């Protein structure tokens, strides 16, 4: 998860910017260790040592390893959600297509797939943490897709009679199911933006046909 982020300097009273930078740094370091060793195999002491910080500093910000893990997941998704805060409802289907493209790009990232692998390995032992992670990763997208499907129905863009929740799950599965499976197996079926865009477009046409939307309507 970490890039080339330098450890924040800590001389004198930290500014709000310094504090925010330290938080980001700690989350990046913790994320890397969780991915490398799993949730069970990572301790707060390990994270503090890797970050060059004291355990007191770490516990001051995160009361427990569980709280830190949840913060790591939230941090991972923040980069995506900040680009998805102003979806226009003027053309709900066009907006929904854009959300699907954004979702596929997101789940193809190395750190996202590594996090999925970790959750699969540790999920049976820590179901509450996995529930939180899935709520943070999948929940916002699912709610956005539902909102856009409803708006598309109200705008007459899709025929009536479809269960919105079920339709949202089907769309997410179509767009990401095969891709996630392949990435979890270490394969790279769509290595660049062009192939991902083509995959989304083809899947989108299949989805609209299943809904009974006429091409060009």
N, C-alpha and C. Protein backbone atom coordinates (compact mmCIF):
# COMPACT_ATOMS: atom_id res chain seq x y z
N UNK A 1 0.81 -1.20 0.00
CA UNK A 1 0.00 0.00 0.00
C UNK A 1 0.84 1.25 0.00
N UNK A 2 2.02 1.18 0.62
CA UNK A 2 2.81 2.39 0.77
C UNK A 2 3.48 2.76 -0.54
N UNK A 3 3.60 4.05 -0.78
CA UNK A 3 4.32 4.54 -1.94
C UNK A 3 5.70 4.98 -1.47
N UNK A 4 6.12 6.16 -1.89
CA UNK A 4 7.41 6.66 -1.45
C UNK A 4 7.20 7.72 -0.38
N UNK A 5 6.22 7.51 0.45
CA UNK A 5 5.89 8.50 1.47
C UNK A 5 6.95 8.51 2.56
N UNK A 6 7.52 9.65 2.77
CA UNK A 6 8.54 9.78 3.81
C UNK A 6 7.89 9.89 5.17
N UNK A 7 8.58 9.38 6.16
CA UNK A 7 8.07 9.50 7.52
C UNK A 7 8.04 10.97 7.92
N UNK A 8 6.93 11.47 8.46
CA UNK A 8 6.84 12.87 8.86
C UNK A 8 7.87 13.20 9.93
N UNK A 9 8.44 14.39 9.80
CA UNK A 9 9.37 14.86 10.83
C UNK A 9 8.58 15.27 12.06
N UNK A 10 9.13 15.00 13.22
CA UNK A 10 8.41 15.31 14.46
C UNK A 10 9.29 16.19 15.34
N UNK A 11 9.37 17.45 15.00
CA UNK A 11 10.14 18.39 15.82
C UNK A 11 9.20 19.49 16.27
N UNK A 12 9.07 19.67 17.57
CA UNK A 12 8.15 20.67 18.09
C UNK A 12 6.71 20.18 18.01
N UNK A 13 5.80 21.10 18.29
CA UNK A 13 4.38 20.75 18.25
C UNK A 13 3.95 20.51 16.80
N UNK A 14 3.36 19.35 16.52
CA UNK A 14 2.97 19.06 15.13
C UNK A 14 1.80 19.93 14.69
N UNK A 15 1.84 20.36 13.44
CA UNK A 15 0.72 21.09 12.86
C UNK A 15 -0.36 20.09 12.47
N UNK A 16 -1.59 20.55 12.20
CA UNK A 16 -2.63 19.62 11.71
C UNK A 16 -2.19 18.88 10.46
N UNK A 17 -1.43 19.57 9.59
CA UNK A 17 -0.95 18.91 8.38
C UNK A 17 0.04 17.80 8.71
N UNK A 18 0.93 18.08 9.68
CA UNK A 18 1.89 17.05 10.10
C UNK A 18 1.16 15.85 10.70
N UNK A 19 0.15 16.11 11.50
CA UNK A 19 -0.61 15.03 12.13
C UNK A 19 -1.32 14.19 11.09
N UNK A 20 -1.91 14.84 10.09
CA UNK A 20 -2.60 14.10 9.03
C UNK A 20 -1.61 13.27 8.22
N UNK A 21 -0.43 13.83 7.97
CA UNK A 21 0.60 13.10 7.23
C UNK A 21 1.07 11.89 8.03
N UNK A 22 1.24 12.05 9.33
CA UNK A 22 1.63 10.92 10.17
C UNK A 22 0.57 9.84 10.15
N UNK A 23 -0.70 10.24 10.23
CA UNK A 23 -1.78 9.25 10.17
C UNK A 23 -1.72 8.46 8.87
N UNK A 24 -1.55 9.16 7.76
CA UNK A 24 -1.48 8.48 6.46
C UNK A 24 -0.30 7.52 6.42
N UNK A 25 0.82 7.97 6.95
CA UNK A 25 2.02 7.13 6.97
C UNK A 25 1.81 5.87 7.80
N UNK A 26 1.24 6.02 8.98
CA UNK A 26 0.98 4.86 9.84
C UNK A 26 0.03 3.88 9.17
N UNK A 27 -0.98 4.40 8.48
CA UNK A 27 -1.94 3.53 7.81
C UNK A 27 -1.29 2.79 6.64
N UNK A 28 -0.40 3.47 5.92
CA UNK A 28 0.31 2.81 4.82
C UNK A 28 1.20 1.69 5.35
N UNK A 29 1.94 1.97 6.41
CA UNK A 29 2.83 0.95 7.00
C UNK A 29 2.01 -0.22 7.53
N UNK A 30 0.94 0.08 8.25
CA UNK A 30 0.09 -0.98 8.80
C UNK A 30 -0.52 -1.81 7.68
N UNK A 31 -0.97 -1.15 6.62
CA UNK A 31 -1.55 -1.88 5.49
C UNK A 31 -0.57 -2.84 4.86
N UNK A 32 0.67 -2.40 4.68
CA UNK A 32 1.70 -3.27 4.11
C UNK A 32 1.93 -4.50 4.99
N UNK A 33 1.97 -4.30 6.30
CA UNK A 33 2.22 -5.42 7.21
C UNK A 33 1.03 -6.36 7.28
N UNK A 34 -0.18 -5.83 7.29
CA UNK A 34 -1.37 -6.69 7.29
C UNK A 34 -1.38 -7.57 6.04
N UNK A 35 -1.03 -6.98 4.90
CA UNK A 35 -1.01 -7.74 3.65
C UNK A 35 0.09 -8.80 3.69
N UNK A 36 1.25 -8.44 4.19
CA UNK A 36 2.39 -9.36 4.19
C UNK A 36 2.21 -10.51 5.18
N UNK A 37 1.65 -10.23 6.37
CA UNK A 37 1.60 -11.22 7.44
C UNK A 37 0.19 -11.63 7.85
N UNK A 38 -0.82 -11.00 7.28
CA UNK A 38 -2.19 -11.28 7.70
C UNK A 38 -2.55 -10.52 8.96
N UNK A 39 -3.83 -10.48 9.26
CA UNK A 39 -4.28 -9.77 10.45
C UNK A 39 -3.74 -10.43 11.71
N UNK A 40 -3.88 -11.76 11.78
CA UNK A 40 -3.44 -12.47 12.99
C UNK A 40 -1.93 -12.39 13.18
N UNK A 41 -1.18 -12.34 12.09
CA UNK A 41 0.28 -12.35 12.18
C UNK A 41 0.92 -10.99 12.34
N UNK A 42 0.12 -9.97 12.51
CA UNK A 42 0.65 -8.61 12.65
C UNK A 42 0.29 -8.06 14.02
N UNK A 43 1.26 -7.47 14.70
CA UNK A 43 1.01 -6.89 16.02
C UNK A 43 1.19 -5.39 15.98
N UNK A 44 0.64 -4.72 16.97
CA UNK A 44 0.81 -3.27 17.07
C UNK A 44 2.29 -2.92 17.25
N UNK A 45 3.02 -3.77 17.98
CA UNK A 45 4.44 -3.54 18.16
C UNK A 45 5.21 -3.59 16.84
N UNK A 46 4.88 -4.57 16.00
CA UNK A 46 5.52 -4.66 14.69
C UNK A 46 5.26 -3.40 13.86
N UNK A 47 4.02 -2.95 13.89
CA UNK A 47 3.66 -1.77 13.11
C UNK A 47 4.42 -0.55 13.61
N UNK A 48 4.47 -0.39 14.93
CA UNK A 48 5.18 0.76 15.50
C UNK A 48 6.66 0.73 15.12
N UNK A 49 7.28 -0.45 15.21
CA UNK A 49 8.70 -0.55 14.87
C UNK A 49 8.94 -0.25 13.39
N UNK A 50 8.09 -0.80 12.53
CA UNK A 50 8.26 -0.58 11.09
C UNK A 50 8.07 0.89 10.73
N UNK A 51 7.21 1.57 11.47
CA UNK A 51 6.94 2.98 11.20
C UNK A 51 7.95 3.90 11.87
N UNK A 52 8.79 3.33 12.74
CA UNK A 52 9.73 4.16 13.48
C UNK A 52 9.03 5.04 14.50
N UNK A 53 7.90 4.55 15.00
CA UNK A 53 7.11 5.30 15.98
C UNK A 53 7.03 4.51 17.27
N UNK A 54 6.60 5.16 18.33
CA UNK A 54 6.41 4.46 19.59
C UNK A 54 5.03 3.81 19.62
N UNK A 55 4.91 2.76 20.43
CA UNK A 55 3.59 2.14 20.59
C UNK A 55 2.61 3.13 21.20
N UNK A 56 3.12 4.03 22.03
CA UNK A 56 2.25 5.04 22.64
C UNK A 56 1.64 5.93 21.55
N UNK A 57 2.46 6.32 20.57
CA UNK A 57 1.95 7.13 19.46
C UNK A 57 0.87 6.38 18.70
N UNK A 58 1.12 5.10 18.45
CA UNK A 58 0.17 4.29 17.69
C UNK A 58 -1.14 4.12 18.45
N UNK A 59 -1.04 3.77 19.74
CA UNK A 59 -2.25 3.56 20.54
C UNK A 59 -2.99 4.87 20.82
N UNK A 60 -2.27 5.98 20.79
CA UNK A 60 -2.93 7.28 20.97
C UNK A 60 -3.91 7.54 19.82
N UNK A 61 -3.57 7.05 18.64
CA UNK A 61 -4.41 7.27 17.46
C UNK A 61 -5.41 6.14 17.24
N UNK A 62 -5.01 4.92 17.58
CA UNK A 62 -5.85 3.75 17.33
C UNK A 62 -5.85 2.89 18.59
N UNK A 63 -7.00 2.77 19.20
CA UNK A 63 -7.10 2.13 20.52
C UNK A 63 -6.77 0.65 20.50
N UNK A 64 -6.86 0.02 19.34
CA UNK A 64 -6.62 -1.42 19.26
C UNK A 64 -6.19 -1.78 17.84
N UNK A 65 -5.72 -3.00 17.67
CA UNK A 65 -5.37 -3.47 16.33
C UNK A 65 -6.61 -3.51 15.45
N UNK A 66 -7.74 -3.87 16.03
CA UNK A 66 -8.98 -3.90 15.27
C UNK A 66 -9.33 -2.51 14.74
N UNK A 67 -9.19 -1.50 15.60
CA UNK A 67 -9.48 -0.13 15.17
C UNK A 67 -8.52 0.31 14.07
N UNK A 68 -7.26 -0.09 14.18
CA UNK A 68 -6.28 0.27 13.17
C UNK A 68 -6.59 -0.41 11.84
N UNK A 69 -6.96 -1.68 11.89
CA UNK A 69 -7.30 -2.40 10.66
C UNK A 69 -8.49 -1.74 9.97
N UNK A 70 -9.50 -1.38 10.75
CA UNK A 70 -10.67 -0.72 10.16
C UNK A 70 -10.27 0.61 9.52
N UNK A 71 -9.36 1.33 10.16
CA UNK A 71 -8.89 2.60 9.59
C UNK A 71 -8.12 2.37 8.30
N UNK A 72 -7.36 1.28 8.23
CA UNK A 72 -6.62 0.95 7.01
C UNK A 72 -7.59 0.72 5.86
N UNK A 73 -8.66 -0.02 6.12
CA UNK A 73 -9.65 -0.30 5.07
C UNK A 73 -10.31 0.99 4.62
N UNK A 74 -10.68 1.84 5.57
CA UNK A 74 -11.31 3.12 5.23
C UNK A 74 -10.36 3.96 4.39
N UNK A 75 -9.08 3.97 4.76
CA UNK A 75 -8.07 4.73 4.02
C UNK A 75 -7.92 4.19 2.60
N UNK A 76 -7.96 2.88 2.46
CA UNK A 76 -7.82 2.25 1.14
C UNK A 76 -8.94 2.70 0.21
N UNK A 77 -10.15 2.80 0.75
CA UNK A 77 -11.31 3.13 -0.08
C UNK A 77 -11.46 4.63 -0.29
N UNK A 78 -10.82 5.44 0.53
CA UNK A 78 -11.01 6.89 0.44
C UNK A 78 -10.57 7.43 -0.91
N UNK A 79 -9.50 6.87 -1.47
CA UNK A 79 -9.01 7.33 -2.76
C UNK A 79 -10.05 7.14 -3.84
N UNK A 80 -10.88 6.14 -3.70
CA UNK A 80 -11.92 5.88 -4.68
C UNK A 80 -13.14 6.73 -4.43
N UNK A 81 -13.59 6.77 -3.20
CA UNK A 81 -14.84 7.45 -2.88
C UNK A 81 -14.74 8.95 -3.09
N UNK A 82 -13.55 9.52 -2.97
CA UNK A 82 -13.42 10.96 -3.18
C UNK A 82 -13.68 11.35 -4.63
N UNK A 83 -13.56 10.38 -5.54
CA UNK A 83 -13.86 10.65 -6.95
C UNK A 83 -15.30 10.32 -7.30
N UNK A 84 -16.06 9.86 -6.32
CA UNK A 84 -17.42 9.39 -6.61
C UNK A 84 -18.44 10.11 -5.74
N UNK A 85 -18.18 11.38 -5.44
CA UNK A 85 -19.06 12.10 -4.53
C UNK A 85 -20.07 12.98 -5.25
N UNK A 86 -19.87 13.20 -6.55
CA UNK A 86 -20.76 14.09 -7.28
C UNK A 86 -21.22 13.44 -8.58
N UNK A 87 -21.89 12.32 -8.45
CA UNK A 87 -22.42 11.64 -9.63
C UNK A 87 -23.69 12.34 -10.08
N UNK A 88 -23.71 12.76 -11.32
CA UNK A 88 -24.86 13.49 -11.86
C UNK A 88 -26.02 12.52 -12.11
N UNK A 89 -27.23 12.98 -11.80
CA UNK A 89 -28.42 12.17 -12.06
C UNK A 89 -29.13 12.62 -13.33
N UNK A 90 -28.51 13.52 -14.10
CA UNK A 90 -29.15 13.95 -15.35
C UNK A 90 -29.27 12.81 -16.34
N UNK A 91 -28.26 11.96 -16.38
CA UNK A 91 -28.29 10.76 -17.22
C UNK A 91 -27.86 9.59 -16.34
N UNK A 92 -28.80 9.00 -15.61
CA UNK A 92 -28.43 7.96 -14.64
C UNK A 92 -27.69 6.78 -15.24
N UNK A 93 -28.08 6.34 -16.45
CA UNK A 93 -27.40 5.20 -17.04
C UNK A 93 -25.96 5.53 -17.42
N UNK A 94 -25.74 6.72 -17.93
CA UNK A 94 -24.38 7.13 -18.23
C UNK A 94 -23.54 7.20 -16.96
N UNK A 95 -24.12 7.73 -15.90
CA UNK A 95 -23.42 7.80 -14.62
C UNK A 95 -23.14 6.40 -14.07
N UNK A 96 -24.10 5.49 -14.25
CA UNK A 96 -23.93 4.12 -13.77
C UNK A 96 -22.80 3.43 -14.54
N UNK A 97 -22.73 3.66 -15.82
CA UNK A 97 -21.63 3.11 -16.62
C UNK A 97 -20.29 3.60 -16.09
N UNK A 98 -20.21 4.89 -15.75
CA UNK A 98 -18.97 5.46 -15.22
C UNK A 98 -18.61 4.85 -13.87
N UNK A 99 -19.60 4.61 -13.02
CA UNK A 99 -19.35 3.99 -11.72
C UNK A 99 -18.82 2.57 -11.91
N UNK A 100 -19.36 1.84 -12.88
CA UNK A 100 -18.88 0.48 -13.15
C UNK A 100 -17.43 0.49 -13.59
N UNK A 101 -17.08 1.44 -14.43
CA UNK A 101 -15.69 1.55 -14.88
C UNK A 101 -14.77 1.87 -13.70
N UNK A 102 -15.21 2.78 -12.84
CA UNK A 102 -14.43 3.15 -11.67
C UNK A 102 -14.24 1.96 -10.74
N UNK A 103 -15.29 1.17 -10.57
CA UNK A 103 -15.23 0.00 -9.69
C UNK A 103 -14.25 -1.03 -10.23
N UNK A 104 -14.29 -1.30 -11.53
CA UNK A 104 -13.37 -2.27 -12.10
C UNK A 104 -11.92 -1.80 -11.98
N UNK A 105 -11.68 -0.53 -12.27
CA UNK A 105 -10.32 0.01 -12.12
C UNK A 105 -9.83 -0.15 -10.69
N UNK A 106 -10.73 0.08 -9.74
CA UNK A 106 -10.36 0.00 -8.33
C UNK A 106 -9.98 -1.41 -7.92
N UNK A 107 -10.82 -2.38 -8.26
CA UNK A 107 -10.57 -3.74 -7.78
C UNK A 107 -9.40 -4.41 -8.51
N UNK A 108 -8.94 -3.83 -9.60
CA UNK A 108 -7.78 -4.39 -10.30
C UNK A 108 -6.46 -3.92 -9.71
N UNK A 109 -6.48 -2.99 -8.78
CA UNK A 109 -5.25 -2.48 -8.18
C UNK A 109 -4.59 -3.55 -7.31
N UNK A 110 -3.27 -3.54 -7.30
CA UNK A 110 -2.51 -4.56 -6.57
C UNK A 110 -2.84 -4.57 -5.08
N UNK A 111 -2.92 -3.38 -4.46
CA UNK A 111 -3.16 -3.35 -3.02
C UNK A 111 -4.56 -3.80 -2.67
N UNK A 112 -5.52 -3.55 -3.57
CA UNK A 112 -6.89 -4.01 -3.32
C UNK A 112 -6.97 -5.53 -3.38
N UNK A 113 -6.35 -6.11 -4.40
CA UNK A 113 -6.36 -7.57 -4.53
C UNK A 113 -5.60 -8.21 -3.37
N UNK A 114 -4.50 -7.62 -2.97
CA UNK A 114 -3.75 -8.15 -1.82
C UNK A 114 -4.59 -8.11 -0.56
N UNK A 115 -5.40 -7.06 -0.40
CA UNK A 115 -6.28 -6.97 0.76
C UNK A 115 -7.37 -8.04 0.70
N UNK A 116 -7.90 -8.29 -0.48
CA UNK A 116 -8.88 -9.37 -0.65
C UNK A 116 -8.28 -10.71 -0.23
N UNK A 117 -7.05 -10.98 -0.66
CA UNK A 117 -6.41 -12.24 -0.30
C UNK A 117 -6.27 -12.37 1.21
N UNK A 118 -5.88 -11.28 1.85
CA UNK A 118 -5.73 -11.30 3.30
C UNK A 118 -7.06 -11.59 3.98
N UNK A 119 -8.14 -10.96 3.49
CA UNK A 119 -9.45 -11.16 4.10
C UNK A 119 -9.94 -12.59 3.90
N UNK A 120 -9.64 -13.17 2.76
CA UNK A 120 -10.01 -14.57 2.53
C UNK A 120 -9.27 -15.48 3.50
N UNK A 121 -7.98 -15.19 3.72
CA UNK A 121 -7.17 -16.03 4.61
C UNK A 121 -7.60 -15.93 6.06
N UNK A 122 -7.97 -14.73 6.51
CA UNK A 122 -8.26 -14.50 7.93
C UNK A 122 -9.74 -14.34 8.25
N UNK A 123 -10.57 -14.28 7.22
CA UNK A 123 -11.97 -13.93 7.44
C UNK A 123 -12.73 -14.87 8.35
N UNK A 124 -12.44 -16.17 8.26
CA UNK A 124 -13.20 -17.12 9.07
C UNK A 124 -12.91 -16.96 10.56
N UNK A 125 -11.75 -16.38 10.89
CA UNK A 125 -11.40 -16.18 12.31
C UNK A 125 -11.89 -14.84 12.84
N UNK A 126 -12.08 -13.88 11.95
CA UNK A 126 -12.47 -12.53 12.37
C UNK A 126 -13.64 -12.04 11.53
N UNK A 127 -14.79 -12.68 11.65
CA UNK A 127 -15.92 -12.33 10.78
C UNK A 127 -16.38 -10.88 10.93
N UNK A 128 -16.30 -10.33 12.14
CA UNK A 128 -16.75 -8.94 12.33
C UNK A 128 -15.87 -7.97 11.55
N UNK A 129 -14.57 -8.23 11.52
CA UNK A 129 -13.66 -7.37 10.76
C UNK A 129 -13.94 -7.47 9.27
N UNK A 130 -14.22 -8.66 8.80
CA UNK A 130 -14.50 -8.84 7.39
C UNK A 130 -15.81 -8.16 7.02
N UNK A 131 -16.79 -8.25 7.90
CA UNK A 131 -18.06 -7.54 7.64
C UNK A 131 -17.80 -6.05 7.49
N UNK A 132 -16.95 -5.51 8.37
CA UNK A 132 -16.63 -4.08 8.29
C UNK A 132 -15.92 -3.77 6.97
N UNK A 133 -14.96 -4.61 6.61
CA UNK A 133 -14.20 -4.36 5.38
C UNK A 133 -15.11 -4.40 4.16
N UNK A 134 -16.00 -5.37 4.10
CA UNK A 134 -16.89 -5.47 2.95
C UNK A 134 -17.88 -4.31 2.92
N UNK A 135 -18.31 -3.87 4.09
CA UNK A 135 -19.20 -2.70 4.14
C UNK A 135 -18.49 -1.47 3.59
N UNK A 136 -17.20 -1.33 3.92
CA UNK A 136 -16.44 -0.16 3.48
C UNK A 136 -16.10 -0.25 1.99
N UNK A 137 -15.78 -1.44 1.51
CA UNK A 137 -15.35 -1.61 0.13
C UNK A 137 -16.54 -1.71 -0.82
N UNK A 138 -17.48 -2.57 -0.49
CA UNK A 138 -18.60 -2.86 -1.39
C UNK A 138 -19.80 -1.96 -1.12
N UNK A 139 -20.03 -1.67 0.16
CA UNK A 139 -21.25 -0.95 0.54
C UNK A 139 -21.49 0.35 -0.18
N UNK A 140 -20.51 1.28 -0.21
CA UNK A 140 -20.75 2.56 -0.88
C UNK A 140 -21.07 2.40 -2.36
N UNK A 141 -20.38 1.47 -3.04
CA UNK A 141 -20.66 1.24 -4.44
C UNK A 141 -22.05 0.66 -4.64
N UNK A 142 -22.41 -0.29 -3.79
CA UNK A 142 -23.72 -0.92 -3.92
C UNK A 142 -24.83 0.11 -3.76
N UNK A 143 -24.69 0.98 -2.77
CA UNK A 143 -25.71 2.01 -2.56
C UNK A 143 -25.75 3.00 -3.72
N UNK A 144 -24.59 3.34 -4.28
CA UNK A 144 -24.58 4.25 -5.43
C UNK A 144 -25.24 3.61 -6.64
N UNK A 145 -24.97 2.33 -6.87
CA UNK A 145 -25.58 1.63 -7.99
C UNK A 145 -27.10 1.57 -7.83
N UNK A 146 -27.56 1.27 -6.60
CA UNK A 146 -29.00 1.23 -6.34
C UNK A 146 -29.62 2.59 -6.62
N UNK A 147 -28.98 3.65 -6.15
CA UNK A 147 -29.50 5.01 -6.37
C UNK A 147 -29.63 5.32 -7.85
N UNK A 148 -28.63 4.96 -8.63
CA UNK A 148 -28.65 5.25 -10.06
C UNK A 148 -29.65 4.38 -10.81
N UNK A 149 -29.80 3.13 -10.40
CA UNK A 149 -30.81 2.27 -11.02
C UNK A 149 -32.22 2.82 -10.77
N UNK A 150 -32.46 3.27 -9.55
CA UNK A 150 -33.77 3.85 -9.26
C UNK A 150 -34.01 5.11 -10.07
N UNK A 151 -32.96 5.94 -10.18
CA UNK A 151 -33.10 7.17 -10.97
C UNK A 151 -33.34 6.85 -12.44
N UNK A 152 -32.67 5.81 -12.94
CA UNK A 152 -32.88 5.40 -14.33
C UNK A 152 -34.30 4.91 -14.55
N UNK A 153 -34.83 4.18 -13.57
CA UNK A 153 -36.21 3.73 -13.68
C UNK A 153 -37.19 4.89 -13.68
N UNK A 154 -36.96 5.85 -12.79
CA UNK A 154 -37.84 7.02 -12.71
C UNK A 154 -37.76 7.87 -13.98
N UNK A 155 -36.60 7.85 -14.64
CA UNK A 155 -36.42 8.62 -15.87
C UNK A 155 -36.90 7.87 -17.10
N UNK A 156 -37.38 6.64 -16.91
CA UNK A 156 -37.86 5.85 -18.03
C UNK A 156 -36.76 5.24 -18.88
N UNK A 157 -35.54 5.20 -18.34
CA UNK A 157 -34.42 4.64 -19.11
C UNK A 157 -34.39 3.12 -19.08
N UNK A 158 -34.97 2.52 -18.06
CA UNK A 158 -35.05 1.07 -17.99
C UNK A 158 -36.50 0.68 -17.73
N UNK A 159 -36.93 -0.47 -18.24
CA UNK A 159 -38.32 -0.89 -18.06
C UNK A 159 -38.62 -1.17 -16.58
N UNK A 160 -39.86 -1.03 -16.18
CA UNK A 160 -40.23 -1.34 -14.79
C UNK A 160 -40.26 -2.85 -14.56
N UNK A 161 -40.39 -3.22 -13.29
CA UNK A 161 -40.57 -4.62 -12.94
C UNK A 161 -39.31 -5.32 -12.47
N UNK A 162 -38.21 -4.60 -12.32
CA UNK A 162 -36.96 -5.22 -11.87
C UNK A 162 -36.73 -4.89 -10.39
N UNK A 163 -36.30 -5.89 -9.62
CA UNK A 163 -35.94 -5.67 -8.23
C UNK A 163 -34.59 -4.94 -8.19
N UNK A 164 -34.59 -3.75 -7.65
CA UNK A 164 -33.39 -2.90 -7.72
C UNK A 164 -32.20 -3.51 -6.98
N UNK A 165 -32.43 -4.03 -5.78
CA UNK A 165 -31.34 -4.63 -5.00
C UNK A 165 -30.73 -5.81 -5.75
N UNK A 166 -31.58 -6.66 -6.28
CA UNK A 166 -31.10 -7.84 -7.00
C UNK A 166 -30.37 -7.43 -8.28
N UNK A 167 -30.92 -6.45 -8.98
CA UNK A 167 -30.28 -5.97 -10.21
C UNK A 167 -28.90 -5.39 -9.92
N UNK A 168 -28.77 -4.66 -8.81
CA UNK A 168 -27.48 -4.09 -8.43
C UNK A 168 -26.45 -5.19 -8.17
N UNK A 169 -26.87 -6.26 -7.49
CA UNK A 169 -25.95 -7.37 -7.22
C UNK A 169 -25.53 -8.06 -8.52
N UNK A 170 -26.49 -8.23 -9.43
CA UNK A 170 -26.17 -8.87 -10.71
C UNK A 170 -25.17 -8.02 -11.50
N UNK A 171 -25.38 -6.72 -11.52
CA UNK A 171 -24.47 -5.84 -12.26
C UNK A 171 -23.07 -5.88 -11.67
N UNK A 172 -22.96 -5.83 -10.35
CA UNK A 172 -21.64 -5.88 -9.71
C UNK A 172 -20.94 -7.20 -10.02
N UNK A 173 -21.70 -8.29 -9.97
CA UNK A 173 -21.12 -9.59 -10.28
C UNK A 173 -20.63 -9.68 -11.71
N UNK A 174 -21.44 -9.17 -12.64
CA UNK A 174 -21.05 -9.18 -14.04
C UNK A 174 -19.77 -8.38 -14.27
N UNK A 175 -19.69 -7.22 -13.65
CA UNK A 175 -18.57 -6.33 -13.89
C UNK A 175 -17.28 -6.79 -13.21
N UNK A 176 -17.38 -7.40 -12.04
CA UNK A 176 -16.17 -7.65 -11.25
C UNK A 176 -15.89 -9.11 -10.91
N UNK A 177 -16.90 -9.98 -11.00
CA UNK A 177 -16.72 -11.35 -10.52
C UNK A 177 -15.57 -12.09 -11.17
N UNK A 178 -15.59 -12.16 -12.50
CA UNK A 178 -14.54 -12.87 -13.22
C UNK A 178 -13.19 -12.18 -13.03
N UNK A 179 -13.20 -10.86 -13.06
CA UNK A 179 -11.94 -10.10 -12.93
C UNK A 179 -11.29 -10.36 -11.57
N UNK A 180 -12.09 -10.33 -10.50
CA UNK A 180 -11.54 -10.59 -9.17
C UNK A 180 -11.00 -12.01 -9.08
N UNK A 181 -11.74 -12.97 -9.62
CA UNK A 181 -11.28 -14.36 -9.59
C UNK A 181 -9.92 -14.50 -10.26
N UNK A 182 -9.78 -13.91 -11.43
CA UNK A 182 -8.52 -14.01 -12.16
C UNK A 182 -7.37 -13.33 -11.41
N UNK A 183 -7.64 -12.16 -10.84
CA UNK A 183 -6.59 -11.44 -10.11
C UNK A 183 -6.18 -12.18 -8.84
N UNK A 184 -7.14 -12.80 -8.17
CA UNK A 184 -6.81 -13.56 -6.97
C UNK A 184 -5.91 -14.75 -7.30
N UNK A 185 -6.03 -15.26 -8.51
CA UNK A 185 -5.20 -16.38 -8.95
C UNK A 185 -3.85 -15.91 -9.50
N UNK A 186 -3.61 -14.61 -9.45
CA UNK A 186 -2.33 -14.08 -9.90
C UNK A 186 -2.27 -13.76 -11.37
N UNK A 187 -3.41 -13.80 -12.05
CA UNK A 187 -3.43 -13.50 -13.48
C UNK A 187 -3.75 -12.03 -13.72
N UNK A 188 -3.43 -11.57 -14.92
CA UNK A 188 -3.65 -10.16 -15.28
C UNK A 188 -4.44 -10.10 -16.58
N UNK A 189 -5.75 -10.37 -16.50
CA UNK A 189 -6.54 -10.47 -17.74
C UNK A 189 -6.76 -9.13 -18.43
N UNK A 190 -6.69 -8.04 -17.68
CA UNK A 190 -6.92 -6.71 -18.26
C UNK A 190 -5.83 -5.78 -17.76
N UNK A 191 -4.65 -5.82 -18.38
CA UNK A 191 -3.49 -5.13 -17.84
C UNK A 191 -3.47 -3.62 -18.03
N UNK A 192 -4.37 -3.09 -18.86
CA UNK A 192 -4.32 -1.65 -19.11
C UNK A 192 -5.73 -1.08 -19.20
N UNK A 193 -5.79 0.25 -19.23
CA UNK A 193 -7.08 0.95 -19.22
C UNK A 193 -7.90 0.64 -20.46
N UNK A 194 -7.25 0.42 -21.59
CA UNK A 194 -7.98 0.15 -22.84
C UNK A 194 -8.74 -1.16 -22.76
N UNK A 195 -8.08 -2.22 -22.28
CA UNK A 195 -8.76 -3.51 -22.19
C UNK A 195 -9.85 -3.49 -21.12
N UNK A 196 -9.63 -2.75 -20.05
CA UNK A 196 -10.68 -2.64 -19.02
C UNK A 196 -11.90 -1.89 -19.56
N UNK A 197 -11.66 -0.83 -20.31
CA UNK A 197 -12.77 -0.07 -20.88
C UNK A 197 -13.57 -0.93 -21.85
N UNK A 198 -12.87 -1.72 -22.67
CA UNK A 198 -13.56 -2.60 -23.62
C UNK A 198 -14.38 -3.65 -22.89
N UNK A 199 -13.84 -4.18 -21.80
CA UNK A 199 -14.57 -5.19 -21.01
C UNK A 199 -15.83 -4.58 -20.40
N UNK A 200 -15.70 -3.38 -19.83
CA UNK A 200 -16.87 -2.72 -19.24
C UNK A 200 -17.92 -2.45 -20.31
N UNK A 201 -17.51 -1.98 -21.48
CA UNK A 201 -18.47 -1.67 -22.54
C UNK A 201 -19.23 -2.91 -22.99
N UNK A 202 -18.52 -4.02 -23.19
CA UNK A 202 -19.17 -5.25 -23.63
C UNK A 202 -20.10 -5.80 -22.55
N UNK A 203 -19.65 -5.78 -21.30
CA UNK A 203 -20.49 -6.24 -20.19
C UNK A 203 -21.71 -5.34 -20.03
N UNK A 204 -21.52 -4.05 -20.23
CA UNK A 204 -22.61 -3.09 -20.13
C UNK A 204 -23.70 -3.37 -21.16
N UNK A 205 -23.29 -3.66 -22.40
CA UNK A 205 -24.28 -3.97 -23.45
C UNK A 205 -25.06 -5.23 -23.09
N UNK A 206 -24.37 -6.22 -22.54
CA UNK A 206 -25.03 -7.45 -22.12
C UNK A 206 -26.03 -7.17 -21.00
N UNK A 207 -25.63 -6.33 -20.06
CA UNK A 207 -26.49 -5.97 -18.94
C UNK A 207 -27.75 -5.24 -19.42
N UNK A 208 -27.59 -4.27 -20.30
CA UNK A 208 -28.74 -3.52 -20.80
C UNK A 208 -29.69 -4.43 -21.58
N UNK A 209 -29.13 -5.35 -22.34
CA UNK A 209 -29.97 -6.30 -23.08
C UNK A 209 -30.79 -7.14 -22.11
N UNK A 210 -30.17 -7.57 -21.02
CA UNK A 210 -30.89 -8.35 -20.02
C UNK A 210 -32.01 -7.58 -19.35
N UNK A 211 -31.83 -6.27 -19.22
CA UNK A 211 -32.88 -5.42 -18.64
C UNK A 211 -33.99 -5.11 -19.62
N UNK A 212 -33.75 -5.40 -20.89
CA UNK A 212 -34.75 -5.06 -21.90
C UNK A 212 -34.63 -3.65 -22.43
N UNK A 213 -33.44 -3.07 -22.28
CA UNK A 213 -33.20 -1.73 -22.81
C UNK A 213 -32.77 -1.86 -24.27
N UNK A 214 -33.49 -1.20 -25.16
CA UNK A 214 -33.15 -1.27 -26.57
C UNK A 214 -31.90 -0.45 -26.86
N UNK A 215 -31.03 -0.99 -27.70
CA UNK A 215 -29.79 -0.30 -28.03
C UNK A 215 -30.09 1.04 -28.68
N UNK A 216 -29.44 2.08 -28.17
CA UNK A 216 -29.65 3.42 -28.70
C UNK A 216 -30.82 4.14 -28.08
N UNK A 217 -31.51 3.46 -27.12
CA UNK A 217 -32.68 4.09 -26.49
C UNK A 217 -32.24 5.08 -25.45
